[in-house]
Amino acid sequence: MTLYEPFLHYAIDGLKSRWDLEDYPIPAGFESKLAIVGKGKHQDEVLTTSYGFHTPKLRQIRAAHVQGGQSLQVLNFVIFPQLNYDLPFFGADLVTLPGGHLIALDMQPLFHDECYRSRYSDPILPIFRQHQQHLPWGGDFPDEAKPFFSPVFLWTRPQLTEVVENQVFQAFQDYLNAYLDFVDRAEPVTDPQALQAIEQSHRRYLRYRAEKDPARGMFRRFYGEAWTEEYIHGFLFDLERKLAIA
């Protein structure tokens, strides 16, 4: 079993234990993609596998799992709520490269006002502080990205794989379960102005993520530009296309 498979299985099993998951359509050609990289003794396979589900409250639950040997393992697991809920996004970026591990966990906010923070960030602060003791801050990240993260953004760069297998995995479980509790309690929004603000926030977040996706260079190198751009805009961050044809 590869490094992030337990994370993926835990997430899917946890979702299925709470709700009946419906398959989210994955465009043809993106369910899985294999590339051969390197030459001779250094040749390796890189397999990217996609997963997609949805529920009445969650528009898209999706994962991109990249397996490329011990020095390249990636799991990007994101949950986008339906547009008639003010829930934050759940985001887990778990990346292993030759130089070490890059870990980002968050419930990314739609809004930054005090009321929103008190509902969706403050209850997670004890979890954040507990895990921050073992998973110290990973250093600076771009200023332009800061509006898209919450006060409980867990960003760390552990050097040891056993830290990922233990402390990071526990943090992933705690964040995910807290998020699913929020989903359980969420009530639909009906006010037209509030609904418009939610949609605008979704569009803003997805547009930023699609434009700045850090995996773009990696995917282009493995699978080419055309496949990569269609994967990003047609599956990973597909809201604007979905709204355009609705």
Protein backbone atom coordinates (compact mmCIF):
# COMPACT_ATOMS: atom_id res chain seq x y z
CA MET A 1 0.00 0.00 0.00
CA THR A 2 1.38 3.40 -0.98
CA LEU A 3 1.82 6.25 1.48
CA TYR A 4 -1.49 8.06 0.94
CA GLU A 5 -3.77 5.11 0.20
CA PRO A 6 -4.80 4.82 3.88
CA PHE A 7 -5.84 8.50 3.80
CA LEU A 8 -7.93 7.98 0.67
CA HIS A 9 -9.58 4.80 1.96
CA TYR A 10 -10.32 6.41 5.32
CA ALA A 11 -11.97 9.40 3.66
CA ILE A 12 -14.15 7.39 1.29
CA ASP A 13 -15.14 4.87 3.96
CA GLY A 14 -15.97 7.69 6.39
CA LEU A 15 -18.18 9.41 3.85
CA LYS A 16 -19.94 6.16 2.96
CA SER A 17 -20.60 5.44 6.63
CA ARG A 18 -22.59 8.68 6.90
CA TRP A 19 -24.33 9.06 3.55
CA ASP A 20 -25.18 7.28 0.34
CA LEU A 21 -22.59 8.52 -2.13
CA GLU A 22 -23.52 9.04 -5.76
CA ASP A 23 -20.80 8.87 -8.40
CA TYR A 24 -19.66 12.25 -9.67
CA PRO A 25 -19.03 12.11 -13.43
CA ILE A 26 -15.35 11.91 -14.32
CA PRO A 27 -14.78 12.90 -17.97
CA ALA A 28 -13.54 10.12 -20.23
CA GLY A 29 -9.77 9.80 -20.18
CA PHE A 30 -9.35 11.11 -16.65
CA GLU A 31 -10.33 8.10 -14.54
CA SER A 32 -6.69 7.00 -14.69
CA LYS A 33 -3.61 8.00 -16.64
CA LEU A 34 -0.22 6.27 -16.85
CA ALA A 35 3.10 7.80 -17.88
CA ILE A 36 6.57 6.28 -18.17
CA VAL A 37 9.27 8.63 -16.89
CA GLY A 38 13.04 8.38 -16.79
CA LYS A 39 15.32 6.05 -18.70
CA GLY A 40 17.02 2.73 -18.16
CA LYS A 41 17.45 1.79 -14.52
CA HIS A 42 15.80 5.07 -13.52
CA GLN A 43 12.64 4.43 -15.50
CA ASP A 44 9.44 4.48 -13.49
CA GLU A 45 5.69 4.55 -13.92
CA VAL A 46 3.52 7.43 -12.72
CA LEU A 47 -0.15 6.54 -12.32
CA THR A 48 -2.78 9.22 -11.62
CA THR A 49 -6.17 7.91 -10.51
CA SER A 50 -9.27 10.07 -10.04
CA TYR A 51 -12.27 9.57 -7.76
CA GLY A 52 -15.51 11.54 -7.67
CA PHE A 53 -18.70 11.47 -5.58
CA HIS A 54 -21.51 13.80 -4.53
CA THR A 55 -24.34 13.98 -1.99
CA PRO A 56 -27.36 16.28 -1.58
CA LYS A 57 -25.21 18.69 0.47
CA LEU A 58 -21.86 18.21 -1.28
CA ARG A 59 -21.55 19.19 -4.93
CA GLN A 60 -18.25 17.44 -5.57
CA ILE A 61 -16.09 15.16 -3.44
CA ARG A 62 -13.01 14.42 -5.47
CA ALA A 63 -9.54 13.01 -5.23
CA ALA A 64 -6.49 12.89 -7.47
CA HIS A 65 -4.04 10.21 -6.36
CA VAL A 66 -0.58 10.21 -7.98
CA GLN A 67 1.65 7.18 -7.47
CA GLY A 68 5.17 7.40 -8.84
CA GLY A 69 7.41 5.36 -6.56
CA GLN A 70 8.77 6.14 -3.12
CA SER A 71 9.86 9.68 -4.03
CA LEU A 72 6.62 10.81 -5.71
CA GLN A 73 3.33 10.33 -3.93
CA VAL A 74 0.48 12.87 -4.02
CA LEU A 75 -3.09 12.93 -2.76
CA ASN A 76 -5.25 15.96 -3.45
CA PHE A 77 -8.59 15.46 -1.70
CA VAL A 78 -11.16 18.26 -1.85
CA ILE A 79 -14.84 18.64 -0.93
CA PHE A 80 -16.94 21.37 -2.53
CA PRO A 81 -20.33 21.99 -0.89
CA GLN A 82 -23.50 22.59 -2.84
CA LEU A 83 -24.05 26.27 -3.61
CA ASN A 84 -27.04 26.57 -1.27
CA TYR A 85 -24.91 25.93 1.84
CA ASP A 86 -22.40 28.30 3.42
CA LEU A 87 -20.04 25.46 4.35
CA PRO A 88 -16.31 25.99 3.83
CA PHE A 89 -14.33 23.84 1.43
CA PHE A 90 -12.40 20.88 2.80
CA GLY A 91 -8.92 20.69 1.32
CA ALA A 92 -6.08 18.22 1.85
CA ASP A 93 -2.90 18.48 -0.21
CA LEU A 94 -0.54 15.67 0.73
CA VAL A 95 2.66 15.71 -1.32
CA THR A 96 5.82 13.62 -1.13
CA LEU A 97 8.76 14.63 -3.34
CA PRO A 98 12.43 13.65 -3.29
CA GLY A 99 13.16 16.55 -0.93
CA GLY A 100 10.52 15.67 1.65
CA HIS A 101 6.84 16.02 2.43
CA LEU A 102 4.52 19.01 1.96
CA ILE A 103 1.27 18.84 3.91
CA ALA A 104 -1.65 21.27 3.83
CA LEU A 105 -4.98 20.71 5.62
CA ASP A 106 -7.72 23.28 5.92
CA MET A 107 -11.39 24.14 5.92
CA GLN A 108 -11.08 26.98 3.46
CA PRO A 109 -13.58 29.75 4.24
CA LEU A 110 -16.13 31.34 1.97
CA PHE A 111 -16.03 34.52 4.05
CA HIS A 112 -13.74 36.14 6.61
CA ASP A 113 -16.16 37.95 8.91
CA GLU A 114 -16.24 37.28 12.63
CA CYS A 115 -19.55 35.39 12.52
CA TYR A 116 -18.24 32.96 9.89
CA ARG A 117 -15.01 32.38 11.83
CA SER A 118 -16.93 31.70 15.02
CA ARG A 119 -19.01 29.05 13.26
CA TYR A 120 -16.38 27.24 11.23
CA SER A 121 -12.87 28.07 12.48
CA ASP A 122 -13.14 28.63 16.22
CA PRO A 123 -14.51 25.12 16.92
CA ILE A 124 -11.47 23.64 15.13
CA LEU A 125 -8.84 25.68 17.00
CA PRO A 126 -8.30 22.99 19.69
CA ILE A 127 -7.67 20.39 16.97
CA PHE A 128 -5.33 22.77 15.15
CA ARG A 129 -3.33 23.57 18.30
CA GLN A 130 -3.10 19.92 19.29
CA HIS A 131 -1.59 18.90 15.96
CA GLN A 132 0.54 22.03 15.55
CA GLN A 133 2.65 20.80 18.47
CA HIS A 134 3.84 17.88 16.35
CA LEU A 135 3.45 19.48 12.91
CA PRO A 136 5.14 22.90 13.04
CA TRP A 137 4.42 25.71 10.59
CA GLY A 138 5.90 24.97 7.16
CA GLY A 139 7.05 28.50 6.36
CA ASP A 140 5.92 31.30 4.10
CA PHE A 141 3.42 30.89 1.31
CA PRO A 142 2.30 33.45 -1.29
CA ASP A 143 0.47 36.55 -0.08
CA GLU A 144 -2.07 36.15 -2.86
CA ALA A 145 -3.03 32.76 -1.41
CA LYS A 146 -3.66 33.97 2.14
CA PRO A 147 -7.29 35.10 1.59
CA PHE A 148 -8.18 31.53 0.69
CA PHE A 149 -7.03 29.96 3.96
CA SER A 150 -8.52 29.91 7.44
CA PRO A 151 -7.04 30.53 10.92
CA VAL A 152 -6.83 26.71 11.31
CA PHE A 153 -4.71 26.17 8.20
CA LEU A 154 -2.31 23.33 9.04
CA TRP A 155 0.74 23.72 6.80
CA THR A 156 3.83 21.69 7.58
CA ARG A 157 6.90 20.06 6.00
CA PRO A 158 7.76 16.91 7.94
CA GLN A 159 11.03 15.23 7.02
CA LEU A 160 10.20 11.77 8.31
CA THR A 161 7.76 9.46 6.56
CA GLU A 162 6.68 8.01 9.91
CA VAL A 163 5.43 11.49 10.89
CA VAL A 164 3.18 11.44 7.81
CA GLU A 165 1.99 7.91 8.57
CA ASN A 166 1.13 8.80 12.18
CA GLN A 167 0.71 12.47 13.13
CA VAL A 168 -0.39 13.69 9.69
CA PHE A 169 -2.81 10.80 9.28
CA GLN A 170 -4.36 11.56 12.67
CA ALA A 171 -4.68 15.25 11.80
CA PHE A 172 -6.32 14.33 8.49
CA GLN A 173 -8.85 12.15 10.31
CA ASP A 174 -9.64 14.82 12.90
CA TYR A 175 -10.07 17.59 10.33
CA LEU A 176 -12.19 15.43 8.05
CA ASN A 177 -14.48 14.19 10.82
CA ALA A 178 -14.96 17.72 12.14
CA TYR A 179 -15.85 18.87 8.64
CA LEU A 180 -18.34 16.04 8.14
CA ASP A 181 -19.95 17.02 11.44
CA PHE A 182 -20.40 20.54 10.04
CA VAL A 183 -22.03 19.02 6.96
CA ASP A 184 -24.39 16.95 9.08
CA ARG A 185 -25.61 20.07 10.88
CA ALA A 186 -25.71 22.39 7.85
CA GLU A 187 -29.02 23.97 6.88
CA PRO A 188 -29.71 25.28 3.37
CA VAL A 189 -29.43 28.99 2.66
CA THR A 190 -32.48 30.59 1.05
CA ASP A 191 -31.75 34.34 1.09
CA PRO A 192 -31.07 35.43 -2.54
CA GLN A 193 -28.28 37.86 -1.59
CA ALA A 194 -26.56 35.27 0.56
CA LEU A 195 -26.83 32.69 -2.23
CA GLN A 196 -25.28 35.12 -4.68
CA ALA A 197 -22.40 35.81 -2.28
CA ILE A 198 -21.81 32.07 -1.83
CA GLU A 199 -21.66 31.50 -5.59
CA GLN A 200 -19.26 34.39 -6.05
CA SER A 201 -17.02 33.01 -3.33
CA HIS A 202 -17.00 29.56 -4.96
CA ARG A 203 -16.16 31.05 -8.34
CA ARG A 204 -13.38 33.19 -6.88
CA TYR A 205 -11.80 30.25 -5.05
CA LEU A 206 -12.00 27.83 -7.96
CA ARG A 207 -10.71 30.37 -10.44
CA TYR A 208 -7.70 31.03 -8.23
CA ARG A 209 -7.03 27.34 -7.67
CA ALA A 210 -7.33 26.52 -11.37
CA GLU A 211 -4.97 29.34 -12.35
CA LYS A 212 -2.40 28.61 -9.63
CA ASP A 213 -2.62 24.84 -9.37
CA PRO A 214 0.85 23.78 -8.16
CA ALA A 215 0.43 20.37 -9.83
CA ARG A 216 0.17 21.92 -13.30
CA GLY A 217 3.89 21.64 -14.05
CA MET A 218 4.06 18.05 -12.83
CA PHE A 219 1.04 16.95 -14.87
CA ARG A 220 2.29 18.72 -18.00
CA ARG A 221 5.63 16.96 -17.67
CA PHE A 222 3.98 13.57 -17.35
CA TYR A 223 0.89 13.81 -19.56
CA GLY A 224 1.23 16.89 -21.77
CA GLU A 225 -0.37 20.32 -21.80
CA ALA A 226 -3.71 19.47 -23.44
CA TRP A 227 -4.53 16.65 -21.02
CA THR A 228 -3.42 18.75 -18.04
CA GLU A 229 -5.49 21.82 -18.84
CA GLU A 230 -8.59 19.74 -19.53
CA TYR A 231 -8.07 17.80 -16.30
CA ILE A 232 -7.77 21.01 -14.27
CA HIS A 233 -10.71 22.86 -15.83
CA GLY A 234 -12.90 19.90 -16.76
CA PHE A 235 -12.65 17.90 -13.53
CA LEU A 236 -10.57 19.28 -10.67
CA PHE A 237 -12.09 22.79 -10.77
CA ASP A 238 -15.11 22.41 -13.02
CA LEU A 239 -17.71 24.70 -11.41
CA GLU A 240 -17.69 27.43 -14.03
CA ARG A 241 -18.19 24.92 -16.81
CA LYS A 242 -21.02 23.27 -14.88
CA LEU A 243 -22.74 26.62 -14.30
CA ALA A 244 -22.30 27.61 -17.94
CA ILE A 245 -24.29 24.59 -19.15
CA ALA A 246 -26.83 24.53 -16.31
